[in-house]
Amino acid sequence: MILLDVFINIPKEYKIGKTKLNPGNMSEKINQKPEILLHVCCGTCSLHPYFFLKEDFNVTFFFYNPNIHPPKEYIKRLEGVKTVSRTYSIPLIIGEYEAKEWFQLTKDLKDEPEGGMRCPVCFKMWLEKTAEKAKKLGFDFFGTTLTVSPHKNQNSINSIGLEIETLEKINFFQADFKKKDGFKKTVRLSKELNLYRQNYCGCVYSKREL
């Protein structure tokens, strides 16, 4: 059910049959798509990955981003995700805002530049929590929208995801959503919804570099 007053049509490049995925050696399910819990960082970055996945997976969003500061920025990004969720009737799970835990994990990395050694620590925190939640709730896969950003290293993200897959015994969906103009597509879609678009990754340390 569409909850917004204005219905947003699904873009034509994402129509059924445009993109088909090969989920790998997952068990066969008759007349049922596999379920994926998809970590999302903001409304803008959720759009292209959602449309890429939706024909082959039942997608549920998981908003878990304790790195985002200040709190008003966290709320802006959460509201963007809620808008996408309402517009396209996507289930949304909101994780706890564990800011203290994030500061503890990154306290010795505050002087690292954006894209440096601090980023993999964040990736691991987000993906571990997503995998934990996915496993607890019975999802078939977990994944993240992070690779749609040209500022995020897809090799690092996918490597960490696969390590967690081995430890947690739940499938990780490897992706590089920025490929084939994925980032441009997600920005265009966000403009159609008039979503807030940030200019830093979310953490206070990266904001200092602006």
N, C-alpha and C. Protein backbone atom coordinates (compact mmCIF):
# COMPACT_ATOMS: atom_id res chain seq x y z
N MET A 1 0.85 -1.19 0.00
CA MET A 1 0.00 0.00 0.00
C MET A 1 0.88 1.24 0.00
N ILE A 2 0.61 2.18 -0.89
CA ILE A 2 1.36 3.42 -0.96
C ILE A 2 0.77 4.41 0.04
N LEU A 3 1.61 4.93 0.91
CA LEU A 3 1.13 5.77 1.99
C LEU A 3 1.27 7.26 1.70
N LEU A 4 2.08 7.61 0.71
CA LEU A 4 2.20 9.02 0.38
C LEU A 4 1.07 9.43 -0.55
N ASP A 5 0.80 10.73 -0.61
CA ASP A 5 -0.29 11.23 -1.43
C ASP A 5 -0.01 11.07 -2.92
N VAL A 6 1.26 11.15 -3.30
CA VAL A 6 1.65 11.08 -4.70
C VAL A 6 2.31 9.74 -4.97
N PHE A 7 1.80 9.00 -5.94
CA PHE A 7 2.38 7.70 -6.30
C PHE A 7 3.58 7.93 -7.19
N ILE A 8 4.70 7.30 -6.83
CA ILE A 8 5.92 7.41 -7.62
C ILE A 8 6.07 6.14 -8.46
N ASN A 9 6.04 6.25 -9.77
CA ASN A 9 6.14 5.09 -10.63
C ASN A 9 7.53 4.46 -10.56
N ILE A 10 7.58 3.14 -10.66
CA ILE A 10 8.85 2.44 -10.71
C ILE A 10 9.55 2.79 -12.03
N PRO A 11 10.80 3.26 -11.98
CA PRO A 11 11.51 3.63 -13.20
C PRO A 11 11.58 2.48 -14.19
N LYS A 12 11.51 2.80 -15.48
CA LYS A 12 11.38 1.77 -16.50
C LYS A 12 12.58 0.83 -16.57
N GLU A 13 13.80 1.32 -16.19
CA GLU A 13 14.96 0.44 -16.28
C GLU A 13 14.95 -0.65 -15.21
N TYR A 14 14.02 -0.56 -14.27
CA TYR A 14 13.92 -1.56 -13.22
C TYR A 14 12.70 -2.45 -13.38
N LYS A 15 12.06 -2.41 -14.52
CA LYS A 15 10.88 -3.24 -14.74
C LYS A 15 11.25 -4.72 -14.71
N ILE A 16 10.26 -5.55 -14.48
CA ILE A 16 10.49 -7.00 -14.38
C ILE A 16 11.21 -7.50 -15.64
N GLY A 17 12.23 -8.31 -15.40
CA GLY A 17 12.97 -8.90 -16.50
C GLY A 17 14.20 -8.12 -16.92
N LYS A 18 14.35 -6.88 -16.40
CA LYS A 18 15.49 -6.07 -16.80
C LYS A 18 16.79 -6.60 -16.20
N THR A 19 16.75 -6.97 -14.94
CA THR A 19 17.93 -7.47 -14.25
C THR A 19 17.60 -8.76 -13.53
N LYS A 20 18.38 -9.78 -13.76
CA LYS A 20 18.19 -11.05 -13.07
C LYS A 20 19.47 -11.41 -12.33
N LEU A 21 19.33 -11.79 -11.08
CA LEU A 21 20.47 -12.12 -10.26
C LEU A 21 20.63 -13.63 -10.16
N ASN A 22 21.81 -14.05 -9.74
CA ASN A 22 22.07 -15.46 -9.49
C ASN A 22 22.52 -15.61 -8.04
N PRO A 23 21.60 -15.86 -7.13
CA PRO A 23 21.93 -15.89 -5.72
C PRO A 23 22.90 -16.98 -5.31
N GLY A 24 23.29 -17.89 -6.19
CA GLY A 24 24.31 -18.87 -5.83
C GLY A 24 23.72 -20.18 -5.35
N ASN A 25 24.34 -20.77 -4.34
CA ASN A 25 23.96 -22.12 -3.94
C ASN A 25 22.92 -22.14 -2.82
N MET A 26 22.10 -21.09 -2.74
CA MET A 26 21.04 -21.08 -1.73
C MET A 26 20.02 -22.17 -2.04
N SER A 27 19.33 -22.67 -1.02
CA SER A 27 18.34 -23.73 -1.21
C SER A 27 17.17 -23.23 -2.04
N GLU A 28 16.64 -24.10 -2.85
CA GLU A 28 15.52 -23.74 -3.72
C GLU A 28 14.25 -23.51 -2.91
N LYS A 29 13.53 -22.46 -3.28
CA LYS A 29 12.26 -22.20 -2.62
C LYS A 29 11.19 -22.05 -3.71
N ILE A 30 10.18 -22.86 -3.66
CA ILE A 30 9.18 -22.88 -4.70
C ILE A 30 8.27 -21.68 -4.57
N ASN A 31 8.18 -20.90 -5.67
CA ASN A 31 7.28 -19.74 -5.73
C ASN A 31 7.51 -18.76 -4.59
N GLN A 32 8.74 -18.65 -4.16
CA GLN A 32 9.04 -17.72 -3.07
C GLN A 32 10.42 -17.10 -3.28
N LYS A 33 10.49 -15.79 -3.22
CA LYS A 33 11.77 -15.12 -3.33
C LYS A 33 12.53 -15.24 -2.01
N PRO A 34 13.86 -15.29 -2.08
CA PRO A 34 14.62 -15.23 -0.84
C PRO A 34 14.46 -13.87 -0.17
N GLU A 35 14.58 -13.88 1.14
CA GLU A 35 14.45 -12.65 1.93
C GLU A 35 15.84 -12.07 2.20
N ILE A 36 15.99 -10.76 1.98
CA ILE A 36 17.26 -10.10 2.26
C ILE A 36 17.04 -8.93 3.21
N LEU A 37 17.87 -8.85 4.24
CA LEU A 37 17.88 -7.70 5.13
C LEU A 37 18.99 -6.78 4.64
N LEU A 38 18.60 -5.60 4.19
CA LEU A 38 19.52 -4.68 3.53
C LEU A 38 19.82 -3.49 4.42
N HIS A 39 21.07 -3.41 4.85
CA HIS A 39 21.51 -2.24 5.63
C HIS A 39 21.47 -1.00 4.74
N VAL A 40 20.82 0.05 5.24
CA VAL A 40 20.74 1.31 4.49
C VAL A 40 21.26 2.45 5.35
N CYS A 41 21.98 3.36 4.71
CA CYS A 41 22.57 4.49 5.45
C CYS A 41 21.77 5.77 5.30
N CYS A 42 20.98 5.86 4.23
CA CYS A 42 20.17 7.06 3.99
C CYS A 42 19.17 6.75 2.88
N GLY A 43 18.22 7.64 2.69
CA GLY A 43 17.21 7.43 1.66
C GLY A 43 17.78 7.40 0.26
N THR A 44 18.67 8.34 -0.03
CA THR A 44 19.24 8.43 -1.38
C THR A 44 19.95 7.15 -1.78
N CYS A 45 20.82 6.65 -0.91
CA CYS A 45 21.60 5.46 -1.25
C CYS A 45 20.79 4.18 -1.27
N SER A 46 19.57 4.22 -0.76
CA SER A 46 18.75 3.01 -0.74
C SER A 46 18.05 2.72 -2.06
N LEU A 47 17.89 3.73 -2.91
CA LEU A 47 16.97 3.61 -4.04
C LEU A 47 17.45 2.68 -5.14
N HIS A 48 18.60 2.95 -5.72
CA HIS A 48 19.09 2.07 -6.79
C HIS A 48 19.29 0.63 -6.31
N PRO A 49 19.93 0.41 -5.15
CA PRO A 49 20.06 -0.97 -4.68
C PRO A 49 18.71 -1.67 -4.49
N TYR A 50 17.71 -0.95 -4.00
CA TYR A 50 16.39 -1.58 -3.82
C TYR A 50 15.81 -2.03 -5.15
N PHE A 51 15.82 -1.16 -6.15
CA PHE A 51 15.25 -1.52 -7.44
C PHE A 51 16.08 -2.60 -8.14
N PHE A 52 17.36 -2.61 -7.90
CA PHE A 52 18.22 -3.65 -8.47
C PHE A 52 17.85 -5.02 -7.90
N LEU A 53 17.51 -5.07 -6.63
CA LEU A 53 17.28 -6.33 -5.94
C LEU A 53 15.83 -6.81 -5.96
N LYS A 54 14.88 -5.92 -6.11
CA LYS A 54 13.48 -6.22 -5.79
C LYS A 54 12.85 -7.32 -6.62
N GLU A 55 13.29 -7.54 -7.85
CA GLU A 55 12.66 -8.58 -8.67
C GLU A 55 13.11 -9.98 -8.26
N ASP A 56 14.21 -10.07 -7.53
CA ASP A 56 14.76 -11.37 -7.15
C ASP A 56 14.75 -11.62 -5.65
N PHE A 57 14.47 -10.60 -4.88
CA PHE A 57 14.46 -10.73 -3.43
C PHE A 57 13.27 -9.98 -2.84
N ASN A 58 12.80 -10.46 -1.70
CA ASN A 58 11.93 -9.66 -0.85
C ASN A 58 12.85 -8.84 0.06
N VAL A 59 12.82 -7.53 -0.13
CA VAL A 59 13.78 -6.65 0.53
C VAL A 59 13.17 -6.02 1.78
N THR A 60 13.93 -6.06 2.87
CA THR A 60 13.59 -5.32 4.09
C THR A 60 14.76 -4.41 4.41
N PHE A 61 14.47 -3.15 4.68
CA PHE A 61 15.51 -2.20 5.04
C PHE A 61 15.86 -2.34 6.53
N PHE A 62 17.15 -2.12 6.82
CA PHE A 62 17.63 -2.09 8.21
C PHE A 62 18.46 -0.82 8.38
N PHE A 63 17.92 0.12 9.13
CA PHE A 63 18.62 1.39 9.37
C PHE A 63 19.38 1.27 10.69
N TYR A 64 20.69 1.11 10.58
CA TYR A 64 21.55 1.01 11.76
C TYR A 64 22.81 1.80 11.46
N ASN A 65 22.92 3.00 12.03
CA ASN A 65 24.01 3.90 11.67
C ASN A 65 24.44 4.75 12.88
N PRO A 66 25.08 4.10 13.87
CA PRO A 66 25.48 4.82 15.08
C PRO A 66 26.62 5.81 14.87
N ASN A 67 27.21 5.81 13.68
CA ASN A 67 28.28 6.77 13.39
C ASN A 67 27.75 8.15 13.07
N ILE A 68 26.48 8.28 12.73
CA ILE A 68 25.96 9.56 12.22
C ILE A 68 25.79 10.57 13.35
N HIS A 69 26.43 11.72 13.16
CA HIS A 69 26.35 12.81 14.12
C HIS A 69 26.31 14.14 13.38
N PRO A 70 25.71 15.15 13.98
CA PRO A 70 25.01 15.15 15.27
C PRO A 70 23.65 14.44 15.17
N PRO A 71 22.93 14.31 16.29
CA PRO A 71 21.64 13.61 16.26
C PRO A 71 20.65 14.16 15.24
N LYS A 72 20.67 15.47 15.00
CA LYS A 72 19.74 16.04 14.03
C LYS A 72 20.04 15.54 12.62
N GLU A 73 21.32 15.23 12.35
CA GLU A 73 21.70 14.66 11.06
C GLU A 73 21.18 13.22 10.96
N TYR A 74 21.30 12.49 12.06
CA TYR A 74 20.78 11.12 12.12
C TYR A 74 19.29 11.11 11.80
N ILE A 75 18.56 12.04 12.38
CA ILE A 75 17.11 12.11 12.17
C ILE A 75 16.79 12.45 10.72
N LYS A 76 17.54 13.36 10.12
CA LYS A 76 17.31 13.72 8.71
C LYS A 76 17.45 12.50 7.81
N ARG A 77 18.48 11.71 8.05
CA ARG A 77 18.73 10.55 7.20
C ARG A 77 17.68 9.45 7.45
N LEU A 78 17.30 9.29 8.70
CA LEU A 78 16.27 8.32 9.01
C LEU A 78 14.95 8.71 8.36
N GLU A 79 14.62 9.99 8.36
CA GLU A 79 13.38 10.44 7.73
C GLU A 79 13.40 10.18 6.23
N GLY A 80 14.58 10.31 5.61
CA GLY A 80 14.70 9.99 4.19
C GLY A 80 14.43 8.52 3.91
N VAL A 81 14.95 7.66 4.78
CA VAL A 81 14.71 6.22 4.63
C VAL A 81 13.23 5.90 4.84
N LYS A 82 12.62 6.55 5.81
CA LYS A 82 11.19 6.35 6.05
C LYS A 82 10.36 6.76 4.84
N THR A 83 10.76 7.83 4.17
CA THR A 83 10.04 8.28 2.98
C THR A 83 10.09 7.21 1.89
N VAL A 84 11.28 6.65 1.65
CA VAL A 84 11.42 5.60 0.64
C VAL A 84 10.61 4.37 1.05
N SER A 85 10.67 4.03 2.31
CA SER A 85 9.93 2.87 2.83
C SER A 85 8.43 3.03 2.61
N ARG A 86 7.90 4.22 2.92
CA ARG A 86 6.46 4.46 2.74
C ARG A 86 6.08 4.50 1.27
N THR A 87 6.91 5.13 0.47
CA THR A 87 6.59 5.31 -0.94
C THR A 87 6.48 3.99 -1.68
N TYR A 88 7.40 3.08 -1.39
CA TYR A 88 7.45 1.81 -2.12
C TYR A 88 7.03 0.62 -1.27
N SER A 89 6.44 0.89 -0.11
CA SER A 89 5.93 -0.17 0.78
C SER A 89 7.01 -1.20 1.11
N ILE A 90 8.17 -0.70 1.52
CA ILE A 90 9.30 -1.55 1.88
C ILE A 90 9.34 -1.68 3.40
N PRO A 91 9.32 -2.90 3.93
CA PRO A 91 9.44 -3.05 5.39
C PRO A 91 10.74 -2.41 5.90
N LEU A 92 10.66 -1.78 7.04
CA LEU A 92 11.81 -1.07 7.62
C LEU A 92 11.99 -1.47 9.08
N ILE A 93 13.21 -1.87 9.42
CA ILE A 93 13.58 -2.14 10.81
C ILE A 93 14.59 -1.07 11.22
N ILE A 94 14.34 -0.41 12.34
CA ILE A 94 15.23 0.64 12.81
C ILE A 94 16.03 0.11 13.99
N GLY A 95 17.34 0.07 13.83
CA GLY A 95 18.22 -0.42 14.88
C GLY A 95 18.44 0.63 15.96
N GLU A 96 19.11 0.22 17.01
CA GLU A 96 19.40 1.15 18.10
C GLU A 96 20.50 2.13 17.68
N TYR A 97 20.43 3.32 18.26
CA TYR A 97 21.43 4.36 17.98
C TYR A 97 22.56 4.20 18.99
N GLU A 98 23.50 3.31 18.70
CA GLU A 98 24.55 2.94 19.64
C GLU A 98 25.79 3.82 19.45
N ALA A 99 25.60 5.12 19.68
CA ALA A 99 26.68 6.08 19.44
C ALA A 99 27.87 5.86 20.37
N LYS A 100 27.62 5.54 21.63
CA LYS A 100 28.73 5.34 22.58
C LYS A 100 29.62 4.19 22.14
N GLU A 101 29.00 3.12 21.65
CA GLU A 101 29.77 1.97 21.19
C GLU A 101 30.62 2.34 19.99
N TRP A 102 30.06 3.17 19.09
CA TRP A 102 30.82 3.59 17.91
C TRP A 102 32.02 4.45 18.30
N PHE A 103 31.82 5.40 19.19
CA PHE A 103 32.94 6.24 19.64
C PHE A 103 34.02 5.40 20.31
N GLN A 104 33.62 4.39 21.05
CA GLN A 104 34.59 3.52 21.69
C GLN A 104 35.42 2.76 20.65
N LEU A 105 34.77 2.27 19.62
CA LEU A 105 35.46 1.51 18.57
C LEU A 105 36.44 2.38 17.78
N THR A 106 36.12 3.63 17.61
CA THR A 106 36.90 4.50 16.72
C THR A 106 37.76 5.53 17.45
N LYS A 107 37.86 5.42 18.77
CA LYS A 107 38.55 6.46 19.55
C LYS A 107 40.01 6.64 19.17
N ASP A 108 40.65 5.58 18.71
CA ASP A 108 42.06 5.68 18.32
C ASP A 108 42.25 5.97 16.84
N LEU A 109 41.14 6.20 16.14
CA LEU A 109 41.21 6.40 14.68
C LEU A 109 40.63 7.75 14.27
N LYS A 110 40.47 8.65 15.23
CA LYS A 110 39.82 9.93 14.95
C LYS A 110 40.60 10.80 13.95
N ASP A 111 41.91 10.58 13.86
CA ASP A 111 42.72 11.40 12.95
C ASP A 111 42.90 10.76 11.57
N GLU A 112 42.29 9.60 11.38
CA GLU A 112 42.35 8.96 10.06
C GLU A 112 41.55 9.76 9.04
N PRO A 113 42.04 9.88 7.81
CA PRO A 113 41.27 10.59 6.78
C PRO A 113 40.08 9.75 6.32
N GLU A 114 39.12 10.40 5.69
CA GLU A 114 37.99 9.68 5.10
C GLU A 114 38.54 8.68 4.08
N GLY A 115 38.09 7.44 4.18
CA GLY A 115 38.60 6.38 3.32
C GLY A 115 39.80 5.65 3.90
N GLY A 116 40.23 6.04 5.12
CA GLY A 116 41.39 5.42 5.75
C GLY A 116 41.01 4.22 6.61
N MET A 117 41.79 4.00 7.66
CA MET A 117 41.64 2.80 8.49
C MET A 117 40.37 2.80 9.34
N ARG A 118 39.75 3.95 9.52
CA ARG A 118 38.52 4.00 10.32
C ARG A 118 37.34 3.38 9.59
N CYS A 119 37.30 3.51 8.29
CA CYS A 119 36.14 3.06 7.52
C CYS A 119 35.86 1.55 7.66
N PRO A 120 36.88 0.68 7.55
CA PRO A 120 36.60 -0.75 7.72
C PRO A 120 36.03 -1.10 9.10
N VAL A 121 36.41 -0.32 10.12
CA VAL A 121 35.86 -0.54 11.45
C VAL A 121 34.36 -0.28 11.44
N CYS A 122 33.96 0.79 10.77
CA CYS A 122 32.53 1.11 10.63
C CYS A 122 31.81 0.03 9.82
N PHE A 123 32.40 -0.35 8.68
CA PHE A 123 31.76 -1.37 7.84
C PHE A 123 31.49 -2.64 8.65
N LYS A 124 32.50 -3.05 9.43
CA LYS A 124 32.36 -4.27 10.20
C LYS A 124 31.26 -4.15 11.25
N MET A 125 31.20 -3.01 11.92
CA MET A 125 30.16 -2.79 12.94
C MET A 125 28.77 -2.89 12.33
N TRP A 126 28.57 -2.21 11.20
CA TRP A 126 27.26 -2.20 10.53
C TRP A 126 26.88 -3.60 10.04
N LEU A 127 27.83 -4.26 9.38
CA LEU A 127 27.53 -5.55 8.79
C LEU A 127 27.35 -6.65 9.83
N GLU A 128 28.12 -6.59 10.90
CA GLU A 128 27.93 -7.56 11.98
C GLU A 128 26.52 -7.45 12.57
N LYS A 129 26.09 -6.22 12.81
CA LYS A 129 24.76 -6.01 13.39
C LYS A 129 23.68 -6.44 12.40
N THR A 130 23.87 -6.16 11.12
CA THR A 130 22.89 -6.56 10.10
C THR A 130 22.79 -8.07 10.01
N ALA A 131 23.94 -8.74 9.99
CA ALA A 131 23.95 -10.21 9.93
C ALA A 131 23.30 -10.82 11.17
N GLU A 132 23.60 -10.26 12.32
CA GLU A 132 23.02 -10.74 13.57
C GLU A 132 21.50 -10.63 13.55
N LYS A 133 21.02 -9.46 13.09
CA LYS A 133 19.57 -9.25 13.01
C LYS A 133 18.94 -10.16 11.97
N ALA A 134 19.59 -10.29 10.82
CA ALA A 134 19.06 -11.14 9.75
C ALA A 134 18.95 -12.59 10.20
N LYS A 135 19.97 -13.07 10.86
CA LYS A 135 19.98 -14.46 11.33
C LYS A 135 18.89 -14.67 12.38
N LYS A 136 18.76 -13.73 13.28
CA LYS A 136 17.76 -13.84 14.35
C LYS A 136 16.34 -13.87 13.79
N LEU A 137 16.10 -13.11 12.73
CA LEU A 137 14.75 -12.98 12.17
C LEU A 137 14.48 -13.96 11.03
N GLY A 138 15.45 -14.77 10.67
CA GLY A 138 15.22 -15.81 9.68
C GLY A 138 15.37 -15.38 8.23
N PHE A 139 16.13 -14.34 7.96
CA PHE A 139 16.38 -13.92 6.58
C PHE A 139 17.34 -14.89 5.90
N ASP A 140 17.29 -14.92 4.57
CA ASP A 140 18.18 -15.78 3.79
C ASP A 140 19.52 -15.10 3.50
N PHE A 141 19.48 -13.79 3.37
CA PHE A 141 20.66 -13.00 3.01
C PHE A 141 20.72 -11.74 3.86
N PHE A 142 21.92 -11.19 3.97
CA PHE A 142 22.09 -9.82 4.45
C PHE A 142 22.98 -9.09 3.46
N GLY A 143 22.85 -7.77 3.43
CA GLY A 143 23.64 -6.98 2.50
C GLY A 143 23.63 -5.53 2.92
N THR A 144 24.21 -4.68 2.09
CA THR A 144 24.28 -3.25 2.40
C THR A 144 24.23 -2.44 1.12
N THR A 145 23.75 -1.21 1.23
CA THR A 145 23.71 -0.28 0.11
C THR A 145 25.00 0.52 -0.03
N LEU A 146 25.94 0.32 0.88
CA LEU A 146 27.12 1.18 0.95
C LEU A 146 27.90 1.27 -0.35
N THR A 147 27.92 0.19 -1.14
CA THR A 147 28.76 0.20 -2.35
C THR A 147 28.20 1.05 -3.48
N VAL A 148 27.03 1.66 -3.29
CA VAL A 148 26.52 2.56 -4.31
C VAL A 148 27.28 3.88 -4.30
N SER A 149 27.95 4.17 -3.21
CA SER A 149 28.70 5.42 -3.08
C SER A 149 30.06 5.33 -3.75
N PRO A 150 30.45 6.34 -4.54
CA PRO A 150 31.79 6.35 -5.14
C PRO A 150 32.89 6.58 -4.10
N HIS A 151 32.49 6.93 -2.87
CA HIS A 151 33.47 7.17 -1.81
C HIS A 151 33.73 5.94 -0.94
N LYS A 152 33.03 4.84 -1.22
CA LYS A 152 33.18 3.63 -0.41
C LYS A 152 33.87 2.53 -1.21
N ASN A 153 34.80 1.85 -0.56
CA ASN A 153 35.59 0.79 -1.21
C ASN A 153 34.81 -0.52 -1.21
N GLN A 154 34.34 -0.91 -2.38
CA GLN A 154 33.51 -2.11 -2.47
C GLN A 154 34.29 -3.38 -2.12
N ASN A 155 35.59 -3.41 -2.41
CA ASN A 155 36.39 -4.59 -2.09
C ASN A 155 36.48 -4.79 -0.57
N SER A 156 36.67 -3.71 0.14
CA SER A 156 36.73 -3.78 1.60
C SER A 156 35.39 -4.22 2.18
N ILE A 157 34.32 -3.62 1.70
CA ILE A 157 32.98 -3.94 2.19
C ILE A 157 32.63 -5.40 1.92
N ASN A 158 32.88 -5.86 0.70
CA ASN A 158 32.54 -7.24 0.35
C ASN A 158 33.41 -8.26 1.09
N SER A 159 34.67 -7.92 1.29
CA SER A 159 35.56 -8.81 2.03
C SER A 159 35.09 -8.99 3.47
N ILE A 160 34.72 -7.89 4.10
CA ILE A 160 34.22 -7.95 5.47
C ILE A 160 32.90 -8.72 5.52
N GLY A 161 32.03 -8.47 4.56
CA GLY A 161 30.76 -9.17 4.51
C GLY A 161 30.94 -10.68 4.39
N LEU A 162 31.90 -11.11 3.58
CA LEU A 162 32.13 -12.55 3.41
C LEU A 162 32.73 -13.18 4.67
N GLU A 163 33.56 -12.43 5.38
CA GLU A 163 34.10 -12.93 6.65
C GLU A 163 32.96 -13.16 7.65
N ILE A 164 32.04 -12.20 7.69
CA ILE A 164 30.91 -12.32 8.61
C ILE A 164 29.98 -13.45 8.17
N GLU A 165 29.82 -13.63 6.88
CA GLU A 165 29.03 -14.76 6.36
C GLU A 165 29.55 -16.08 6.89
N THR A 166 30.86 -16.26 6.88
CA THR A 166 31.47 -17.49 7.37
C THR A 166 31.24 -17.67 8.87
N LEU A 167 31.37 -16.60 9.61
CA LEU A 167 31.22 -16.68 11.06
C LEU A 167 29.77 -16.89 11.49
N GLU A 168 28.85 -16.18 10.82
CA GLU A 168 27.45 -16.19 11.23
C GLU A 168 26.61 -17.25 10.51
N LYS A 169 27.19 -17.86 9.47
CA LYS A 169 26.49 -18.89 8.71
C LYS A 169 25.20 -18.36 8.08
N ILE A 170 25.31 -17.18 7.47
CA ILE A 170 24.19 -16.60 6.73
C ILE A 170 24.75 -15.95 5.48
N ASN A 171 24.05 -16.07 4.35
CA ASN A 171 24.54 -15.59 3.07
C ASN A 171 24.69 -14.07 3.03
N PHE A 172 25.84 -13.63 2.50
CA PHE A 172 26.07 -12.20 2.27
C PHE A 172 25.94 -11.92 0.79
N PHE A 173 25.17 -10.88 0.43
CA PHE A 173 25.02 -10.51 -0.98
C PHE A 173 26.13 -9.54 -1.37
N GLN A 174 27.07 -10.04 -2.18
CA GLN A 174 28.16 -9.19 -2.67
C GLN A 174 27.63 -8.26 -3.76
N ALA A 175 28.09 -7.02 -3.73
CA ALA A 175 27.61 -6.08 -4.74
C ALA A 175 28.60 -4.95 -4.94
N ASP A 176 28.49 -4.34 -6.10
CA ASP A 176 29.12 -3.04 -6.35
C ASP A 176 28.04 -2.21 -7.05
N PHE A 177 27.16 -1.64 -6.25
CA PHE A 177 25.97 -0.97 -6.79
C PHE A 177 26.30 0.29 -7.57
N LYS A 178 27.53 0.80 -7.47
CA LYS A 178 27.88 2.00 -8.21
C LYS A 178 28.13 1.71 -9.69
N LYS A 179 28.33 0.42 -10.03
CA LYS A 179 28.61 0.05 -11.42
C LYS A 179 27.43 0.39 -12.33
N LYS A 180 27.74 0.60 -13.60
CA LYS A 180 26.72 0.92 -14.61
C LYS A 180 25.88 2.12 -14.19
N ASP A 181 26.58 3.16 -13.72
CA ASP A 181 25.95 4.43 -13.34
C ASP A 181 24.97 4.29 -12.18
N GLY A 182 25.22 3.33 -11.30
CA GLY A 182 24.33 3.13 -10.17
C GLY A 182 24.20 4.35 -9.29
N PHE A 183 25.31 5.05 -9.07
CA PHE A 183 25.25 6.25 -8.23
C PHE A 183 24.43 7.35 -8.89
N LYS A 184 24.63 7.54 -10.20
CA LYS A 184 23.85 8.55 -10.92
C LYS A 184 22.37 8.22 -10.88
N LYS A 185 22.04 6.95 -11.01
CA LYS A 185 20.63 6.54 -10.98
C LYS A 185 20.01 6.82 -9.61
N THR A 186 20.76 6.50 -8.55
CA THR A 186 20.19 6.68 -7.22
C THR A 186 20.02 8.16 -6.90
N VAL A 187 20.93 9.01 -7.39
CA VAL A 187 20.79 10.46 -7.18
C VAL A 187 19.57 10.99 -7.93
N ARG A 188 19.39 10.52 -9.17
CA ARG A 188 18.23 10.96 -9.95
C ARG A 188 16.93 10.58 -9.26
N LEU A 189 16.86 9.35 -8.78
CA LEU A 189 15.65 8.90 -8.10
C LEU A 189 15.40 9.69 -6.82
N SER A 190 16.48 10.04 -6.12
CA SER A 190 16.31 10.81 -4.88
C SER A 190 15.78 12.20 -5.16
N LYS A 191 16.16 12.77 -6.30
CA LYS A 191 15.65 14.09 -6.67
C LYS A 191 14.15 14.03 -6.96
N GLU A 192 13.71 12.93 -7.55
CA GLU A 192 12.28 12.77 -7.82
C GLU A 192 11.46 12.73 -6.54
N LEU A 193 12.05 12.22 -5.47
CA LEU A 193 11.37 12.15 -4.18
C LEU A 193 11.69 13.36 -3.29
N ASN A 194 12.55 14.24 -3.82
CA ASN A 194 12.96 15.43 -3.06
C ASN A 194 13.58 15.04 -1.71
N LEU A 195 14.45 14.05 -1.74
CA LEU A 195 15.08 13.56 -0.51
C LEU A 195 16.26 14.44 -0.11
N TYR A 196 16.51 14.49 1.18
CA TYR A 196 17.69 15.16 1.71
C TYR A 196 18.93 14.39 1.26
N ARG A 197 19.95 15.14 0.80
CA ARG A 197 21.23 14.53 0.41
C ARG A 197 22.35 15.17 1.21
N GLN A 198 23.10 14.36 1.93
CA GLN A 198 24.17 14.83 2.78
C GLN A 198 25.46 15.05 1.99
N ASN A 199 26.41 15.75 2.60
CA ASN A 199 27.70 15.98 1.93
C ASN A 199 28.87 15.41 2.72
N TYR A 200 28.60 14.52 3.66
CA TYR A 200 29.66 13.81 4.37
C TYR A 200 29.12 12.46 4.82
N CYS A 201 30.01 11.52 5.16
CA CYS A 201 29.59 10.15 5.40
C CYS A 201 28.68 10.03 6.62
N GLY A 202 28.86 10.92 7.59
CA GLY A 202 28.01 10.89 8.77
C GLY A 202 28.76 11.08 10.06
N CYS A 203 30.01 10.61 10.12
CA CYS A 203 30.74 10.70 11.39
C CYS A 203 31.35 12.08 11.57
N VAL A 204 31.54 12.46 12.82
CA VAL A 204 32.05 13.79 13.14
C VAL A 204 33.45 14.00 12.60
N TYR A 205 34.21 12.91 12.49
CA TYR A 205 35.59 13.03 12.03
C TYR A 205 35.65 13.38 10.55
N SER A 206 34.78 12.79 9.75
CA SER A 206 34.78 13.12 8.33
C SER A 206 34.22 14.51 8.09
N LYS A 207 33.32 14.96 8.96
CA LYS A 207 32.75 16.29 8.80
C LYS A 207 33.80 17.36 8.98
N ARG A 208 34.82 17.08 9.78
CA ARG A 208 35.90 18.05 10.00
C ARG A 208 36.67 18.34 8.73
N GLU A 209 36.62 17.41 7.77
CA GLU A 209 37.40 17.57 6.55
C GLU A 209 36.72 18.46 5.52
N LEU A 210 35.47 18.84 5.77
CA LEU A 210 34.73 19.66 4.80
C LEU A 210 35.29 21.07 4.73
